[in-house]
Every structure is written in C-alpha cells, then in structure tokens.
Amino acid sequence: MRIPFDLAETVAAVVDEGTLDAAARRLHVTPSAVSQRIKALEEQLGQVVLVRSKPVRATEAGMAVIRLARQAALLEHDTLAELGADPAADGRTSVPLAVNADSLATWFLEPLTRLSRRHPVVFELHRDDQDFTAGLLESGTVMGAVTSRATPVAGCRVSGLGAMRYEAVATPAFVERWLGGDRRAALETAPVVDFDRRDDLQREWLAAEGIDPALPPRHYVPASNDFATAVRLGLGWALLPTFQSHEPLASGELVRLGGRPVDVALHWQQWNLRSPLLDAIADEIVSEGRRVLRPA
C-alpha cells in the first residue's frame, strides 16, 4: 500500500488551517475536493485520520500521515536544490518549529533571520513551554524544537544548546512594600507573576527558599515580553532570564531578591533526516544557542 503525496499533503493542510474550507483555499481546490481526498485516504488506510472538530485535529494515524507529508515536502525541497532548480519557484518551503517563549523573545529570531536570507524558506513557529515542545515533534506538528528534553524523541536527534539562567527580581518599590521584615512571612504573601499555570520556575525557587509554593497570590501573564514588563512595573516578583533582567538591574530599575538562580538546560531536537535544509537550520540555531547561552 502506498500513500499518495497529495492526500497526505491535504491532511497536513487541513490540520494547519483548522478547517476544510481554509485548507481548500490554500490548496486551490474546492472544499468538496478536500473532503473527498480525506475520505479516500481514510478508506485506503482503514483508519480515521481527522476528528471533525473546530478546529479540526489529527488522530494518531493522522499525525503519522502529517509527519510523512512534512518530510516529503522537505526532501522535495532538497532534491530541487540539488538538481539546480529553484525550490522557491512555487513558493517558499514552510518549516514549522517549536520554541519556548523566553527563547523566542530573546535569542531565537536572529538565526532564523540569517537563514531566511540564504534559503527560500518561511518559518511557522509554535510557542510552548520548553517541557512540552518535544510533544510537537512526536506528533509531527514541527520538524525541530527547542526543548528541555535531553533524551531524543523517537526518530529525532538532539544537540545541546546551553542553559538559560533565571534570577528572582522585583522593583525596589515592590521590595519595600512587600518584602521587608521577616523574609519567610513576606514571601508567603507577596504577589508572584507566573507565565501560566504550567510555569513552575517561581514554585521551584520558593520551594528552595523553604516556602510553600501554593501560598503566594499569583498573576498570570502568558507572553514573555509582557511578563517582563509586568515585573518591571511592580505587579509582582518573578524569575526573569538574565537576557531580560541585565539592563534593568544595571540601571536600578530592578533588584535581585537573592536565593539561588535557576538554570534551565535547553536542547535542539530535529527529525533524523539527511536534509541539507534541516541541517542548515540546526547548524545556525545550535551555533547561536551555544554562543549566547550559558554552558549547561
């Protein structure tokens, strides 16, 4: 049994776009044609590949088909380049990558900019916590990911990037208002800024200080730059990457709360394919990570 590339490409387009109508516009066919392609593939495989929800999502079988479609598109790009054809003649190759919010806000975009100048690619970035980006590789959603996971995902290879250091900081006014006197009691009541409910950096730091992490009140600010702004405005205290806290600390806008810094080791994982394009992406990202991050 063989899976026709146009059918696999259609499954990927539907999941990327979220609806059959949007996928039809992207593929320049009718919604009816998209539906017929999906039905034909499901009949051929004997398995359902899409859940018709809003947005549409892939089943486990659909994820395998999407991974095939993305790998085939990547190999097609590399083959055209090797043959001397222009891979961009029919549009730039889309490369989906996953990255944690703090890397995206600080160092990750520079290597992508350099890559886009040399290669006919566009990048589709998926932002998630570094503890969860590897799952996007497993599902076939992305080709590469910045992740805290050192063990290779099945079918992938891994390279160390370095460690992102975080320090607990707050404004001088916040410290004066909330953190005077008994430090332990103050930390139990001083407002904390968390990225979201999966953010455990502040909890980890509090536990190391002997504080029950569940006690302090919490603000949730789910965007890296806005998160740092919230701390600089005095909404609460938090751990910021040194990329974001260096200048405010130097100017006195922020002060350190003490305690041990938290180092988060980051890794680059990508599909284990022999692809000049994917290798070029890895080389650029890994080189930049090792240049700007701390040794793990």
Protein backbone atom coordinates (compact mmCIF):
# COMPACT_ATOMS: atom_id res chain seq x y z
CA MET A 1 0.00 0.00 0.00
CA ARG A 2 1.22 3.50 -0.87
CA ILE A 3 0.03 6.85 0.43
CA PRO A 4 -0.38 9.39 -2.41
CA PHE A 5 1.51 12.57 -1.57
CA ASP A 6 -1.40 14.86 -2.49
CA LEU A 7 -3.63 13.08 0.03
CA ALA A 8 -1.04 13.32 2.80
CA GLU A 9 -0.45 16.99 1.93
CA THR A 10 -4.20 17.60 2.19
CA VAL A 11 -4.36 16.14 5.71
CA ALA A 12 -1.49 18.40 6.80
CA ALA A 13 -3.15 21.44 5.23
CA VAL A 14 -6.47 20.78 6.98
CA VAL A 15 -4.81 20.48 10.39
CA ASP A 16 -2.61 23.53 9.77
CA GLU A 17 -5.53 25.69 8.66
CA GLY A 18 -8.10 24.32 11.11
CA THR A 19 -10.99 23.85 8.63
CA LEU A 20 -11.63 22.14 5.30
CA ASP A 21 -12.63 25.48 3.73
CA ALA A 22 -9.37 27.16 4.72
CA ALA A 23 -7.35 24.17 3.52
CA ALA A 24 -9.21 24.31 0.19
CA ARG A 25 -8.19 27.94 -0.29
CA ARG A 26 -4.56 27.10 0.47
CA LEU A 27 -4.53 24.13 -1.92
CA HIS A 28 -6.53 25.98 -4.63
CA VAL A 29 -9.24 23.30 -4.77
CA THR A 30 -12.85 23.15 -3.64
CA PRO A 31 -13.88 22.15 -0.10
CA SER A 32 -15.65 19.18 -1.68
CA ALA A 33 -12.35 18.04 -3.22
CA VAL A 34 -10.62 18.31 0.16
CA SER A 35 -13.38 16.23 1.77
CA GLN A 36 -13.14 13.61 -0.99
CA ARG A 37 -9.36 13.36 -0.59
CA ILE A 38 -9.66 12.82 3.15
CA LYS A 39 -12.38 10.21 2.66
CA ALA A 40 -10.32 8.40 0.01
CA LEU A 41 -7.27 8.27 2.29
CA GLU A 42 -9.28 7.03 5.27
CA GLU A 43 -10.83 4.30 3.13
CA GLN A 44 -7.40 3.31 1.82
CA LEU A 45 -5.87 3.18 5.31
CA GLY A 46 -8.92 1.76 7.02
CA GLN A 47 -8.44 4.37 9.76
CA VAL A 48 -9.82 7.80 10.62
CA VAL A 49 -7.16 10.48 10.18
CA LEU A 50 -9.11 13.59 11.24
CA VAL A 51 -11.52 14.48 14.01
CA ARG A 52 -14.06 16.91 12.55
CA SER A 53 -13.94 19.34 15.47
CA LYS A 54 -13.40 23.10 15.46
CA PRO A 55 -10.55 23.38 14.76
CA VAL A 56 -10.03 20.04 13.01
CA ARG A 57 -7.44 17.88 14.74
CA ALA A 58 -5.49 14.82 13.72
CA THR A 59 -5.92 11.34 15.14
CA GLU A 60 -2.85 9.26 15.94
CA ALA A 61 -3.00 7.86 12.40
CA GLY A 62 -3.41 11.38 11.04
CA MET A 63 -0.29 12.54 12.91
CA ALA A 64 1.73 9.83 11.17
CA VAL A 65 0.38 10.96 7.79
CA ILE A 66 1.19 14.60 8.57
CA ARG A 67 4.74 13.67 9.55
CA LEU A 68 5.09 11.88 6.19
CA ALA A 69 3.76 14.94 4.32
CA ARG A 70 6.18 17.31 6.01
CA GLN A 71 9.15 15.02 5.50
CA ALA A 72 8.25 14.54 1.83
CA ALA A 73 7.98 18.31 1.31
CA LEU A 74 11.38 18.80 2.92
CA LEU A 75 13.00 16.12 0.79
CA GLU A 76 11.38 17.58 -2.33
CA HIS A 77 12.91 20.98 -1.49
CA ASP A 78 16.36 19.42 -1.05
CA THR A 79 16.08 17.44 -4.29
CA LEU A 80 15.08 20.51 -6.32
CA ALA A 81 18.01 22.44 -4.84
CA GLU A 82 20.40 19.60 -5.64
CA LEU A 83 19.16 19.49 -9.25
CA GLY A 84 19.77 23.19 -9.65
CA ALA A 85 16.08 24.09 -9.80
CA ASP A 86 14.68 26.97 -7.78
CA PRO A 87 12.81 25.49 -4.78
CA ALA A 88 11.09 28.86 -4.34
CA ALA A 89 9.57 28.88 -7.82
CA ASP A 90 6.26 27.58 -6.47
CA GLY A 91 6.51 29.34 -3.14
CA ARG A 92 8.92 29.14 -0.23
CA THR A 93 9.17 25.94 1.79
CA SER A 94 7.35 26.24 5.11
CA VAL A 95 9.35 24.91 8.08
CA PRO A 96 7.39 24.51 11.35
CA LEU A 97 9.49 24.79 14.51
CA ALA A 98 8.67 24.79 18.23
CA VAL A 99 10.32 27.11 20.74
CA ASN A 100 9.81 28.20 24.32
CA ALA A 101 8.55 31.74 24.91
CA ASP A 102 11.70 33.11 26.58
CA SER A 103 13.99 31.89 23.79
CA LEU A 104 11.60 33.32 21.21
CA ALA A 105 11.62 36.70 22.96
CA THR A 106 15.39 36.88 23.35
CA TRP A 107 17.76 34.98 21.03
CA PHE A 108 15.89 32.65 18.67
CA LEU A 109 14.80 35.01 15.90
CA GLU A 110 18.29 36.17 14.89
CA PRO A 111 19.43 32.80 13.49
CA LEU A 112 16.09 32.42 11.65
CA THR A 113 16.60 35.83 10.05
CA ARG A 114 20.03 34.82 8.80
CA LEU A 115 18.62 31.56 7.45
CA SER A 116 15.80 33.31 5.59
CA ARG A 117 18.36 35.44 3.74
CA ARG A 118 20.17 32.36 2.45
CA HIS A 119 17.36 29.86 1.89
CA PRO A 120 13.90 30.06 0.29
CA VAL A 121 12.02 29.21 3.50
CA VAL A 122 9.37 30.64 5.76
CA PHE A 123 9.09 29.63 9.39
CA GLU A 124 5.93 28.68 11.23
CA LEU A 125 6.72 28.98 14.93
CA HIS A 126 4.82 27.13 17.62
CA ARG A 127 5.35 28.60 21.09
CA ASP A 128 5.08 26.35 24.12
CA ASP A 129 6.84 25.67 27.40
CA GLN A 130 10.24 24.03 26.93
CA ASP A 131 8.96 20.98 28.81
CA PHE A 132 6.22 20.42 26.22
CA THR A 133 7.74 21.38 22.84
CA ALA A 134 9.07 17.83 22.33
CA GLY A 135 5.47 16.64 22.12
CA LEU A 136 5.04 18.71 18.96
CA LEU A 137 7.92 16.78 17.41
CA GLU A 138 6.34 13.46 18.38
CA SER A 139 3.04 14.44 16.77
CA GLY A 140 4.70 15.54 13.53
CA THR A 141 3.50 19.12 14.00
CA VAL A 142 7.04 20.52 13.80
CA MET A 143 10.36 19.49 12.28
CA GLY A 144 12.56 20.82 15.08
CA ALA A 145 12.19 22.14 18.60
CA VAL A 146 13.97 23.94 21.41
CA THR A 147 13.23 21.70 24.37
CA SER A 148 14.39 20.87 27.88
CA ARG A 149 14.26 17.19 26.94
CA ALA A 150 17.74 15.70 26.54
CA THR A 151 16.56 12.22 25.50
CA PRO A 152 15.91 12.09 21.75
CA VAL A 153 12.30 11.81 20.64
CA ALA A 154 11.81 8.68 18.51
CA GLY A 155 13.12 9.39 15.01
CA CYS A 156 14.94 12.55 16.09
CA ARG A 157 18.44 13.62 17.03
CA VAL A 158 19.46 16.04 19.77
CA SER A 159 22.16 18.69 20.30
CA GLY A 160 22.83 20.63 23.49
CA LEU A 161 22.32 24.40 23.28
CA GLY A 162 23.28 25.60 26.76
CA ALA A 163 21.40 26.87 29.78
CA MET A 164 19.15 29.87 30.22
CA ARG A 165 19.71 31.43 33.64
CA TYR A 166 16.84 32.92 35.62
CA GLU A 167 17.10 35.17 38.69
CA ALA A 168 14.39 36.30 41.11
CA VAL A 169 13.88 40.06 40.72
CA ALA A 170 11.45 42.83 41.58
CA THR A 171 11.30 46.61 41.61
CA PRO A 172 12.79 48.47 44.61
CA ALA A 173 9.30 49.83 45.40
CA PHE A 174 7.85 46.31 45.38
CA VAL A 175 10.58 45.08 47.71
CA GLU A 176 9.98 47.98 50.08
CA ARG A 177 6.24 47.36 50.15
CA TRP A 178 6.10 43.59 50.28
CA LEU A 179 9.44 42.09 51.30
CA GLY A 180 10.55 43.98 54.38
CA GLY A 181 10.86 42.35 57.78
CA ASP A 182 10.52 38.58 58.12
CA ARG A 183 11.60 37.28 54.69
CA ARG A 184 9.79 33.95 55.00
CA ALA A 185 6.49 35.50 56.01
CA ALA A 186 6.85 38.19 53.34
CA LEU A 187 7.43 35.66 50.55
CA GLU A 188 4.31 33.78 51.62
CA THR A 189 2.14 36.84 50.90
CA ALA A 190 3.98 38.84 48.21
CA PRO A 191 2.31 38.59 44.76
CA VAL A 192 4.10 36.41 42.20
CA VAL A 193 3.97 36.70 38.41
CA ASP A 194 3.65 33.33 36.62
CA PHE A 195 3.64 32.82 32.87
CA ASP A 196 0.74 30.35 33.07
CA ARG A 197 -0.41 27.52 35.31
CA ARG A 198 2.30 25.22 33.96
CA ASP A 199 5.08 27.66 34.88
CA ASP A 200 6.99 26.07 37.75
CA LEU A 201 10.08 28.31 37.90
CA GLN A 202 8.73 30.52 40.68
CA ARG A 203 7.43 27.45 42.52
CA GLU A 204 10.85 25.81 42.28
CA TRP A 205 12.56 28.92 43.65
CA LEU A 206 10.07 29.28 46.52
CA ALA A 207 10.48 25.64 47.49
CA ALA A 208 14.28 26.12 47.60
CA GLU A 209 13.68 29.05 49.97
CA GLY A 210 11.60 26.82 52.24
CA ILE A 211 8.30 28.47 51.26
CA ASP A 212 5.15 26.55 50.37
CA PRO A 213 4.76 27.47 46.65
CA ALA A 214 0.95 27.33 46.94
CA LEU A 215 0.72 30.21 49.43
CA PRO A 216 1.54 33.43 47.50
CA PRO A 217 -1.14 35.10 45.32
CA ARG A 218 -0.45 34.90 41.60
CA HIS A 219 -0.78 36.99 38.47
CA TYR A 220 -0.71 35.12 35.14
CA VAL A 221 0.88 36.94 32.18
CA PRO A 222 1.28 34.49 29.24
CA ALA A 223 3.67 36.44 26.98
CA SER A 224 7.40 36.72 27.63
CA ASN A 225 7.89 40.43 26.96
CA ASP A 226 4.66 41.34 28.77
CA PHE A 227 5.71 39.08 31.64
CA ALA A 228 8.98 41.03 32.00
CA THR A 229 7.10 44.31 31.71
CA ALA A 230 4.72 43.27 34.50
CA VAL A 231 7.71 42.66 36.79
CA ARG A 232 9.34 45.99 35.81
CA LEU A 233 6.07 47.79 36.57
CA GLY A 234 5.91 46.24 40.04
CA LEU A 235 2.93 43.94 39.53
CA GLY A 236 4.81 41.17 41.33
CA TRP A 237 8.16 39.46 41.61
CA ALA A 238 9.35 36.66 39.31
CA LEU A 239 12.36 34.92 37.84
CA LEU A 240 13.48 36.61 34.63
CA PRO A 241 16.06 35.40 32.12
CA THR A 242 19.28 37.35 32.51
CA PHE A 243 18.77 38.44 28.88
CA GLN A 244 15.75 40.45 30.08
CA SER A 245 16.93 41.50 33.55
CA HIS A 246 20.53 42.59 32.84
CA GLU A 247 19.83 46.18 31.82
CA PRO A 248 17.06 46.87 34.40
CA LEU A 249 19.35 45.52 37.13
CA ALA A 250 22.24 47.67 35.94
CA SER A 251 20.05 50.79 35.95
CA GLY A 252 18.48 50.05 39.33
CA GLU A 253 15.02 49.58 37.84
CA LEU A 254 15.06 46.05 39.27
CA VAL A 255 16.87 44.44 42.20
CA ARG A 256 17.73 40.82 42.93
CA LEU A 257 15.82 39.03 45.67
CA GLY A 258 18.72 36.69 46.37
CA GLY A 259 18.41 32.94 46.54
CA ARG A 260 19.90 30.57 44.02
CA PRO A 261 19.44 31.31 40.32
CA VAL A 262 17.68 28.65 38.27
CA ASP A 263 19.43 27.31 35.16
CA VAL A 264 17.23 25.64 32.55
CA ALA A 265 19.20 23.44 30.15
CA LEU A 266 17.95 23.68 26.57
CA HIS A 267 18.43 21.29 23.67
CA TRP A 268 17.72 21.31 19.95
CA GLN A 269 15.88 18.28 18.62
CA GLN A 270 15.01 17.69 14.98
CA TRP A 271 13.92 14.90 12.68
CA ASN A 272 16.74 12.50 11.95
CA LEU A 273 16.63 13.04 8.18
CA ARG A 274 19.55 13.60 5.83
CA SER A 275 18.36 17.02 4.71
CA PRO A 276 20.71 19.88 3.76
CA LEU A 277 17.99 22.42 4.62
CA LEU A 278 17.22 20.94 8.03
CA ASP A 279 20.93 20.57 8.75
CA ALA A 280 21.50 24.24 7.85
CA ILE A 281 18.71 25.24 10.23
CA ALA A 282 20.19 23.12 13.01
CA ASP A 283 23.71 24.47 12.47
CA GLU A 284 22.52 28.08 12.71
CA ILE A 285 20.32 27.57 15.77
CA VAL A 286 22.80 25.40 17.66
CA SER A 287 25.67 27.80 16.97
CA GLU A 288 23.62 30.77 18.18
CA GLY A 289 22.42 28.94 21.27
CA ARG A 290 25.93 27.92 22.25
CA ARG A 291 27.14 31.47 21.66
CA VAL A 292 24.57 33.28 23.80
CA LEU A 293 23.53 30.72 26.46
CA ARG A 294 25.49 29.65 29.49
CA PRO A 295 27.33 26.31 29.37
CA ALA A 296 24.90 23.69 30.61
